[in-house]
C-alpha atoms as a PDB file:
ATOM      1  CA  MET A   1       0.070  -0.114   0.073  1.00  0.00           C
ATOM      2  CA  GLN A   2       2.706   2.480   1.195  1.00  0.00           C
ATOM      3  CA  TYR A   3       4.589   1.939  -2.740  1.00  0.00           C
ATOM      4  CA  LEU A   4       1.038   2.243  -3.994  1.00  0.00           C
ATOM      5  CA  ASN A   5       0.790   5.707  -2.733  1.00  0.00           C
ATOM      6  CA  ARG A   6       4.226   6.615  -3.621  1.00  0.00           C
ATOM      7  CA  SER A   7       3.741   5.509  -7.021  1.00  0.00           C
ATOM      8  CA  ALA A   8       0.260   7.194  -6.992  1.00  0.00           C
ATOM      9  CA  SER A   9       2.571  10.617  -6.288  1.00  0.00           C
ATOM     10  CA  VAL A  10       5.145  10.359  -8.831  1.00  0.00           C
ATOM     11  CA  VAL A  11       2.263  10.083 -11.029  1.00  0.00           C
ATOM     12  CA  PHE A  12       0.218  13.180  -9.930  1.00  0.00           C
ATOM     13  CA  ILE A  13       3.799  15.152 -10.012  1.00  0.00           C
ATOM     14  CA  ILE A  14       4.573  14.086 -13.116  1.00  0.00           C
ATOM     15  CA  ILE A  15       0.830  15.174 -14.639  1.00  0.00           C
ATOM     16  CA  GLY A  16       1.354  18.472 -12.962  1.00  0.00           C
ATOM     17  CA  LEU A  17       4.499  19.412 -14.244  1.00  0.00           C
ATOM     18  CA  LEU A  18       3.084  18.591 -17.699  1.00  0.00           C
ATOM     19  CA  ALA A  19       0.570  20.753 -17.273  1.00  0.00           C
ATOM     20  CA  ILE A  20       2.928  23.723 -16.011  1.00  0.00           C
ATOM     21  CA  SER A  21       4.905  22.776 -18.965  1.00  0.00           C
ATOM     22  CA  THR A  22       2.045  22.511 -21.598  1.00  0.00           C
ATOM     23  CA  GLY A  23      -0.207  25.701 -20.229  1.00  0.00           C
ATOM     24  CA  GLY A  24      -2.618  23.092 -19.079  1.00  0.00           C
ATOM     25  CA  CYS A  25      -5.488  22.020 -20.998  1.00  0.00           C
ATOM     26  CA  LYS A  26      -6.091  24.889 -23.527  1.00  0.00           C
ATOM     27  CA  LYS A  27      -9.205  25.019 -25.747  1.00  0.00           C
ATOM     28  CA  PHE A  28      -9.849  27.202 -28.882  1.00  0.00           C
ATOM     29  CA  GLU A  29     -12.728  26.026 -30.753  1.00  0.00           C
ATOM     30  CA  LYS A  30     -16.111  27.300 -30.380  1.00  0.00           C
ATOM     31  CA  ALA A  31     -18.830  27.040 -32.987  1.00  0.00           C
ATOM     32  CA  GLY A  32     -20.643  30.659 -33.962  1.00  0.00           C
ATOM     33  CA  ASN A  33     -22.779  31.979 -36.290  1.00  0.00           C
ATOM     34  CA  VAL A  34     -21.803  35.508 -36.611  1.00  0.00           C
ATOM     35  CA  ALA A  35     -22.100  37.373 -40.496  1.00  0.00           C
ATOM     36  CA  GLN A  36     -18.447  38.373 -40.258  1.00  0.00           C
ATOM     37  CA  PRO A  37     -16.079  37.355 -37.894  1.00  0.00           C
ATOM     38  CA  GLY A  38     -14.211  39.458 -35.813  1.00  0.00           C
ATOM     39  CA  ILE A  39     -12.703  40.901 -32.466  1.00  0.00           C
ATOM     40  CA  VAL A  40     -13.503  43.167 -29.803  1.00  0.00           C
ATOM     41  CA  LEU A  41     -10.289  44.989 -28.631  1.00  0.00           C
ATOM     42  CA  THR A  42     -10.713  46.746 -25.185  1.00  0.00           C
ATOM     43  CA  PHE A  43      -8.762  48.807 -22.844  1.00  0.00           C
ATOM     44  CA  ASP A  44      -9.271  49.054 -19.406  1.00  0.00           C
ATOM     45  CA  ASP A  45      -8.756  52.200 -16.796  1.00  0.00           C
ATOM     46  CA  ASP A  46      -8.097  55.976 -17.345  1.00  0.00           C
ATOM     47  CA  ARG A  47      -4.773  56.009 -19.384  1.00  0.00           C
ATOM     48  CA  VAL A  48      -6.229  58.502 -21.644  1.00  0.00           C
ATOM     49  CA  ASP A  49      -2.804  60.294 -22.550  1.00  0.00           C
ATOM     50  CA  ASN A  50      -1.173  56.956 -23.913  1.00  0.00           C
ATOM     51  CA  TRP A  51      -4.570  55.905 -25.706  1.00  0.00           C
ATOM     52  CA  TYR A  52      -4.684  59.087 -27.608  1.00  0.00           C
ATOM     53  CA  LYS A  53      -0.974  58.824 -28.232  1.00  0.00           C
ATOM     54  CA  TYR A  54      -1.726  55.642 -30.326  1.00  0.00           C
ATOM     55  CA  LEU A  55      -4.831  57.138 -31.934  1.00  0.00           C
ATOM     56  CA  PRO A  56      -3.295  57.333 -35.342  1.00  0.00           C
ATOM     57  CA  LEU A  57      -2.009  53.686 -35.024  1.00  0.00           C
ATOM     58  CA  LEU A  58      -5.621  52.707 -34.890  1.00  0.00           C
ATOM     59  CA  ASP A  59      -7.221  55.015 -37.074  1.00  0.00           C
ATOM     60  CA  SER A  60      -4.449  53.697 -39.778  1.00  0.00           C
ATOM     61  CA  VAL A  61      -6.111  50.366 -39.998  1.00  0.00           C
ATOM     62  CA  GLY A  62      -9.536  51.182 -39.144  1.00  0.00           C
ATOM     63  CA  ALA A  63      -9.508  49.714 -35.584  1.00  0.00           C
ATOM     64  CA  LYS A  64     -12.347  50.415 -33.563  1.00  0.00           C
ATOM     65  CA  ALA A  65     -11.639  49.428 -29.555  1.00  0.00           C
ATOM     66  CA  THR A  66     -13.746  49.859 -26.365  1.00  0.00           C
ATOM     67  CA  PHE A  67     -12.338  51.923 -23.668  1.00  0.00           C
ATOM     68  CA  TYR A  68     -13.586  51.274 -20.380  1.00  0.00           C
ATOM     69  CA  ILE A  69     -12.932  54.555 -18.036  1.00  0.00           C
ATOM     70  CA  SER A  70     -12.549  54.058 -14.592  1.00  0.00           C
ATOM     71  CA  ARG A  71     -12.153  57.230 -11.821  1.00  0.00           C
ATOM     72  CA  TYR A  72     -13.450  59.821 -14.509  1.00  0.00           C
ATOM     73  CA  HIS A  73     -13.828  62.076 -11.679  1.00  0.00           C
ATOM     74  CA  ASN A  74     -10.292  62.285 -11.931  1.00  0.00           C
ATOM     75  CA  LEU A  75      -9.500  63.225 -15.374  1.00  0.00           C
ATOM     76  CA  SER A  76      -8.658  66.911 -16.150  1.00  0.00           C
ATOM     77  CA  PRO A  77     -10.338  68.938 -18.860  1.00  0.00           C
ATOM     78  CA  GLN A  78      -7.457  68.283 -20.879  1.00  0.00           C
ATOM     79  CA  LYS A  79      -7.968  64.459 -20.575  1.00  0.00           C
ATOM     80  CA  LYS A  80     -11.741  64.772 -20.840  1.00  0.00           C
ATOM     81  CA  ALA A  81     -10.915  66.547 -24.273  1.00  0.00           C
ATOM     82  CA  LYS A  82      -8.857  63.732 -25.483  1.00  0.00           C
ATOM     83  CA  LEU A  83     -11.319  61.202 -24.595  1.00  0.00           C
ATOM     84  CA  ALA A  84     -13.977  62.753 -26.566  1.00  0.00           C
ATOM     85  CA  VAL A  85     -11.674  62.941 -29.722  1.00  0.00           C
ATOM     86  CA  ILE A  86     -11.280  59.382 -29.015  1.00  0.00           C
ATOM     87  CA  ARG A  87     -14.857  58.888 -29.239  1.00  0.00           C
ATOM     88  CA  ASN A  88     -15.635  60.910 -32.361  1.00  0.00           C
ATOM     89  CA  HIS A  89     -12.763  58.659 -34.061  1.00  0.00           C
ATOM     90  CA  GLY A  90     -15.572  56.047 -33.908  1.00  0.00           C
ATOM     91  CA  HIS A  91     -14.422  54.348 -30.567  1.00  0.00           C
ATOM     92  CA  GLU A  92     -16.474  53.285 -27.575  1.00  0.00           C
ATOM     93  CA  ILE A  93     -16.428  55.043 -24.563  1.00  0.00           C
ATOM     94  CA  ALA A  94     -17.680  52.343 -21.782  1.00  0.00           C
ATOM     95  CA  TYR A  95     -17.391  52.267 -18.074  1.00  0.00           C
ATOM     96  CA  HIS A  96     -15.254  50.619 -15.233  1.00  0.00           C
ATOM     97  CA  SER A  97     -16.667  52.345 -11.991  1.00  0.00           C
ATOM     98  CA  THR A  98     -15.961  55.048  -9.955  1.00  0.00           C
ATOM     99  CA  ASN A  99     -13.202  53.964  -7.656  1.00  0.00           C
ATOM    100  CA  HIS A 100     -12.194  50.929  -9.441  1.00  0.00           C
ATOM    101  CA  LEU A 101     -12.739  48.855  -6.062  1.00  0.00           C
ATOM    102  CA  ASN A 102     -12.858  45.131  -6.367  1.00  0.00           C
ATOM    103  CA  MET A 103     -16.480  44.561  -5.975  1.00  0.00           C
ATOM    104  CA  MET A 104     -16.712  41.154  -4.874  1.00  0.00           C
ATOM    105  CA  ASP A 105     -14.325  41.824  -2.134  1.00  0.00           C
ATOM    106  CA  TYR A 106     -16.785  45.177  -1.297  1.00  0.00           C
ATOM    107  CA  VAL A 107     -19.989  43.365  -0.938  1.00  0.00           C
ATOM    108  CA  TYR A 108     -18.964  39.475   0.232  1.00  0.00           C
ATOM    109  CA  LYS A 109     -15.490  40.234   2.150  1.00  0.00           C
ATOM    110  CA  TYR A 110     -16.376  43.608   3.486  1.00  0.00           C
ATOM    111  CA  LYS A 111     -20.028  43.092   3.730  1.00  0.00           C
ATOM    112  CA  HIS A 112     -21.702  46.175   2.398  1.00  0.00           C
ATOM    113  CA  PRO A 113     -24.867  45.866   0.498  1.00  0.00           C
ATOM    114  CA  ILE A 114     -25.283  45.806  -3.233  1.00  0.00           C
ATOM    115  CA  GLU A 115     -27.744  48.983  -3.293  1.00  0.00           C
ATOM    116  CA  GLU A 116     -24.443  50.498  -1.306  1.00  0.00           C
ATOM    117  CA  LEU A 117     -21.959  49.203  -4.039  1.00  0.00           C
ATOM    118  CA  ILE A 118     -24.090  50.860  -6.749  1.00  0.00           C
ATOM    119  CA  GLN A 119     -24.330  54.247  -4.996  1.00  0.00           C
ATOM    120  CA  LYS A 120     -20.405  53.850  -4.487  1.00  0.00           C
ATOM    121  CA  GLU A 121     -19.288  52.709  -7.672  1.00  0.00           C
ATOM    122  CA  VAL A 122     -21.751  53.139 -10.692  1.00  0.00           C
ATOM    123  CA  GLU A 123     -23.817  56.105 -10.189  1.00  0.00           C
ATOM    124  CA  PRO A 124     -21.148  58.737  -9.141  1.00  0.00           C
ATOM    125  CA  ASP A 125     -18.972  58.900 -12.087  1.00  0.00           C
ATOM    126  CA  LEU A 126     -21.971  57.604 -14.816  1.00  0.00           C
ATOM    127  CA  LEU A 127     -23.737  60.496 -13.991  1.00  0.00           C
ATOM    128  CA  ARG A 128     -20.518  62.928 -14.670  1.00  0.00           C
ATOM    129  CA  MET A 129     -19.898  61.041 -17.848  1.00  0.00           C
ATOM    130  CA  ARG A 130     -23.342  61.553 -19.002  1.00  0.00           C
ATOM    131  CA  GLN A 131     -23.349  65.339 -17.927  1.00  0.00           C
ATOM    132  CA  ASP A 132     -20.128  65.550 -20.166  1.00  0.00           C
ATOM    133  CA  GLY A 133     -21.838  64.276 -22.971  1.00  0.00           C
ATOM    134  CA  PHE A 134     -20.569  60.451 -22.997  1.00  0.00           C
ATOM    135  CA  ASN A 135     -23.261  57.874 -22.442  1.00  0.00           C
ATOM    136  CA  PRO A 136     -21.711  54.181 -21.449  1.00  0.00           C
ATOM    137  CA  VAL A 137     -23.751  51.596 -22.100  1.00  0.00           C
ATOM    138  CA  THR A 138     -21.510  48.750 -21.524  1.00  0.00           C
ATOM    139  CA  PHE A 139     -19.683  47.781 -18.276  1.00  0.00           C
ATOM    140  CA  ALA A 140     -16.060  45.962 -17.209  1.00  0.00           C
ATOM    141  CA  TYR A 141     -15.677  44.419 -13.742  1.00  0.00           C
ATOM    142  CA  PRO A 142     -12.599  46.198 -11.935  1.00  0.00           C
ATOM    143  CA  PHE A 143     -10.355  43.005 -11.328  1.00  0.00           C
ATOM    144  CA  GLY A 144     -12.751  40.956 -13.436  1.00  0.00           C
ATOM    145  CA  ALA A 145     -14.334  39.334 -10.512  1.00  0.00           C
ATOM    146  CA  HIS A 146     -17.847  38.997 -10.484  1.00  0.00           C
ATOM    147  CA  ASN A 147     -21.100  36.852 -10.126  1.00  0.00           C
ATOM    148  CA  PRO A 148     -24.486  36.385 -11.378  1.00  0.00           C
ATOM    149  CA  ILE A 149     -26.173  38.416  -8.095  1.00  0.00           C
ATOM    150  CA  ILE A 150     -23.933  41.720  -8.995  1.00  0.00           C
ATOM    151  CA  ASP A 151     -24.322  41.153 -12.847  1.00  0.00           C
ATOM    152  CA  ARG A 152     -27.987  41.336 -12.554  1.00  0.00           C
ATOM    153  CA  ALA A 153     -27.395  44.715 -10.518  1.00  0.00           C
ATOM    154  CA  LEU A 154     -25.499  46.115 -13.022  1.00  0.00           C
ATOM    155  CA  LYS A 155     -27.336  45.239 -16.144  1.00  0.00           C
ATOM    156  CA  LYS A 156     -30.230  47.576 -14.866  1.00  0.00           C
ATOM    157  CA  TYR A 157     -27.518  50.350 -16.037  1.00  0.00           C
ATOM    158  CA  PHE A 158     -25.953  48.358 -18.717  1.00  0.00           C
ATOM    159  CA  LYS A 159     -26.386  46.449 -21.897  1.00  0.00           C
ATOM    160  CA  SER A 160     -23.406  44.362 -20.934  1.00  0.00           C
ATOM    161  CA  VAL A 161     -20.857  43.440 -18.241  1.00  0.00           C
ATOM    162  CA  ARG A 162     -17.238  42.186 -18.862  1.00  0.00           C
ATOM    163  CA  ALA A 163     -15.364  39.940 -16.698  1.00  0.00           C
ATOM    164  CA  LEU A 164     -11.872  38.598 -17.605  1.00  0.00           C
ATOM    165  CA  ASN A 165     -11.152  34.993 -18.777  1.00  0.00           C
ATOM    166  CA  GLY A 166      -8.154  33.585 -16.363  1.00  0.00           C
ATOM    167  CA  SER A 167      -8.564  30.219 -17.551  1.00  0.00           C
ATOM    168  CA  PHE A 168      -6.616  28.373 -20.514  1.00  0.00           C
ATOM    169  CA  ASP A 169     -10.478  27.523 -21.791  1.00  0.00           C
ATOM    170  CA  PHE A 170     -10.109  30.554 -24.243  1.00  0.00           C
ATOM    171  CA  THR A 171     -13.731  29.473 -25.751  1.00  0.00           C
ATOM    172  CA  LYS A 172     -14.684  31.679 -22.876  1.00  0.00           C
ATOM    173  CA  SER A 173     -13.575  34.530 -24.709  1.00  0.00           C
ATOM    174  CA  LEU A 174     -15.412  33.691 -27.699  1.00  0.00           C
ATOM    175  CA  VAL A 175     -19.152  34.898 -28.326  1.00  0.00           C
ATOM    176  CA  SER A 176     -21.313  33.178 -31.239  1.00  0.00           C
ATOM    177  CA  SER A 177     -23.534  35.873 -31.513  1.00  0.00           C
ATOM    178  CA  THR A 178     -23.991  39.765 -31.053  1.00  0.00           C
ATOM    179  CA  HIS A 179     -26.584  38.998 -28.424  1.00  0.00           C
ATOM    180  CA  ASN A 180     -24.540  39.131 -25.130  1.00  0.00           C
ATOM    181  CA  ASP A 181     -24.857  40.081 -21.752  1.00  0.00           C
ATOM    182  CA  VAL A 182     -21.777  38.876 -20.181  1.00  0.00           C
ATOM    183  CA  LEU A 183     -18.376  38.902 -21.687  1.00  0.00           C
ATOM    184  CA  TYR A 184     -15.335  37.267 -20.632  1.00  0.00           C
ATOM    185  CA  GLY A 185     -12.258  39.487 -21.908  1.00  0.00           C
ATOM    186  CA  LEU A 186      -8.999  37.580 -22.496  1.00  0.00           C
ATOM    187  CA  GLY A 187      -5.544  39.587 -21.270  1.00  0.00           C
ATOM    188  CA  ILE A 188      -3.070  39.813 -24.084  1.00  0.00           C
ATOM    189  CA  ASP A 189      -0.706  42.417 -21.897  1.00  0.00           C
ATOM    190  CA  LYS A 190       2.760  41.454 -21.555  1.00  0.00           C
ATOM    191  CA  LYS A 191       1.756  40.235 -18.044  1.00  0.00           C
ATOM    192  CA  SER A 192      -0.926  38.284 -19.104  1.00  0.00           C
ATOM    193  CA  GLY A 193       1.925  35.622 -20.392  1.00  0.00           C
ATOM    194  CA  ARG A 194      -0.059  34.807 -23.300  1.00  0.00           C
ATOM    195  CA  SER A 195       1.958  34.045 -26.469  1.00  0.00           C
ATOM    196  CA  SER A 196       1.847  34.667 -29.907  1.00  0.00           C
ATOM    197  CA  ALA A 197       1.305  31.198 -30.997  1.00  0.00           C
ATOM    198  CA  ASP A 198      -1.599  31.312 -28.731  1.00  0.00           C
ATOM    199  CA  ILE A 199      -2.960  34.675 -29.992  1.00  0.00           C
ATOM    200  CA  ILE A 200      -2.708  33.372 -33.431  1.00  0.00           C
ATOM    201  CA  LYS A 201      -4.990  29.847 -32.699  1.00  0.00           C
ATOM    202  CA  ILE A 202      -7.756  32.187 -31.570  1.00  0.00           C
ATOM    203  CA  LEU A 203      -7.807  34.310 -34.562  1.00  0.00           C
ATOM    204  CA  HIS A 204      -7.865  31.236 -36.762  1.00  0.00           C
ATOM    205  CA  SER A 205     -10.413  29.624 -34.598  1.00  0.00           C
ATOM    206  CA  VAL A 206     -12.552  32.960 -34.943  1.00  0.00           C
ATOM    207  CA  LYS A 207     -12.117  32.756 -38.656  1.00  0.00           C
ATOM    208  CA  ASN A 208     -12.828  29.038 -38.805  1.00  0.00           C
ATOM    209  CA  ASN A 209     -15.828  29.345 -36.992  1.00  0.00           C
ATOM    210  CA  SER A 210     -17.165  32.738 -37.451  1.00  0.00           C
ATOM    211  CA  THR A 211     -17.218  33.924 -34.090  1.00  0.00           C
ATOM    212  CA  ILE A 212     -15.816  37.109 -31.862  1.00  0.00           C
ATOM    213  CA  ALA A 213     -12.932  37.082 -29.524  1.00  0.00           C
ATOM    214  CA  VAL A 214     -12.893  39.584 -26.631  1.00  0.00           C
ATOM    215  CA  PHE A 215      -9.230  40.874 -25.664  1.00  0.00           C
ATOM    216  CA  VAL A 216      -8.305  42.968 -23.063  1.00  0.00           C
ATOM    217  CA  ALA A 217      -5.202  45.805 -22.653  1.00  0.00           C
ATOM    218  CA  HIS A 218      -4.636  48.724 -20.705  1.00  0.00           C
ATOM    219  CA  ASP A 219      -1.749  51.016 -21.738  1.00  0.00           C
ATOM    220  CA  ILE A 220      -0.075  50.519 -25.224  1.00  0.00           C
ATOM    221  CA  ASN A 221       3.491  50.044 -25.328  1.00  0.00           C
ATOM    222  CA  THR A 222       4.267  51.896 -21.970  1.00  0.00           C
ATOM    223  CA  GLY A 223       4.202  50.833 -18.091  1.00  0.00           C
ATOM    224  CA  GLY A 224       3.892  47.348 -16.313  1.00  0.00           C
ATOM    225  CA  LEU A 225       0.791  46.745 -17.842  1.00  0.00           C
ATOM    226  CA  CYS A 226       0.744  47.061 -21.340  1.00  0.00           C
ATOM    227  CA  ILE A 227       0.154  45.651 -24.657  1.00  0.00           C
ATOM    228  CA  SER A 228       3.399  45.402 -26.779  1.00  0.00           C
ATOM    229  CA  ILE A 229       3.404  47.300 -30.265  1.00  0.00           C
ATOM    230  CA  GLU A 230       4.569  44.051 -31.593  1.00  0.00           C
ATOM    231  CA  THR A 231       1.022  42.170 -30.126  1.00  0.00           C
ATOM    232  CA  LEU A 232      -1.118  44.908 -31.078  1.00  0.00           C
ATOM    233  CA  LYS A 233       0.382  45.046 -35.136  1.00  0.00           C
ATOM    234  CA  LEU A 234      -0.340  41.272 -34.619  1.00  0.00           C
ATOM    235  CA  VAL A 235      -3.911  41.130 -33.536  1.00  0.00           C
ATOM    236  CA  ILE A 236      -4.870  44.312 -36.086  1.00  0.00           C
ATOM    237  CA  GLY A 237      -2.507  42.930 -38.843  1.00  0.00           C
ATOM    238  CA  PHE A 238      -4.733  39.572 -38.990  1.00  0.00           C
ATOM    239  CA  VAL A 239      -7.733  41.153 -38.449  1.00  0.00           C
ATOM    240  CA  LYS A 240      -7.347  43.428 -41.863  1.00  0.00           C
ATOM    241  CA  ALA A 241      -5.530  40.597 -43.594  1.00  0.00           C
ATOM    242  CA  ASN A 242      -8.463  38.216 -42.940  1.00  0.00           C
ATOM    243  CA  ASN A 243     -11.061  40.992 -43.379  1.00  0.00           C
ATOM    244  CA  PHE A 244     -12.323  40.653 -39.784  1.00  0.00           C
ATOM    245  CA  ARG A 245     -14.460  43.073 -38.312  1.00  0.00           C
ATOM    246  CA  PHE A 246     -13.822  45.380 -35.026  1.00  0.00           C
ATOM    247  CA  TYR A 247     -16.710  45.240 -32.876  1.00  0.00           C
ATOM    248  CA  THR A 248     -17.044  47.461 -29.960  1.00  0.00           C
ATOM    249  CA  ALA A 249     -18.640  45.616 -26.858  1.00  0.00           C
ATOM    250  CA  ALA A 250     -21.957  47.486 -27.615  1.00  0.00           C
ATOM    251  CA  GLU A 251     -22.124  46.106 -30.924  1.00  0.00           C
ATOM    252  CA  ILE A 252     -22.131  42.246 -29.488  1.00  0.00           C
ATOM    253  CA  SER A 253     -24.188  43.333 -26.747  1.00  0.00           C
ATOM    254  CA  GLU A 254     -27.504  43.828 -28.449  1.00  0.00           C
ATOM    255  CA  GLN A 255     -31.090  42.732 -26.873  1.00  0.00           C
END
């Protein structure tokens, strides 16, 4: 019996090492029926100066992105003006909370009611943005933490909510239609550790199965949490070469 236990332990260790070395059990294929395959390229937080700097790159290939804004109350008039320019170039300005708190922690760890969460993290900056001429209709969770209960509360304000896909099941980040109320974005920042090979496999899956991939980034080519220019050009180059469509989050959140 002792020998069997040791043997079983060795087997489990080997399986674990194989999982680590191969990146786990990766899934890429998901059936879809969208008229035109494509991607939703999303950027989070309040990095307006950085996004504005690379607006000509996005414009040069006709790329449209969704920018989820947090801490709008801290934006200077100059940054708000740049955000308006980004919007006027056809990009979606969406919502990412007032103070960028972990909503699950706020409700379940610190025991605040969901009504208070909405009053603190949704309504204040959403009102400010609307007063300034922005009209966010989609939402991204700070830190990606969510559950169906909070989803329902937020969907009284937004057409869809976006969480994060932290798994090796990349199909969670592929949508089969334009009718979605919960999205799972796949991080493609440097810190995500996502390989170029995996990104290409995901894009080929989009092409072969008529789906839409939802990607998440923050800064572009700058800072600790950024998508490199190489990765950005890889993605948008594939989109253009294969006649994909750049969707916004709102466009795949039809009711």
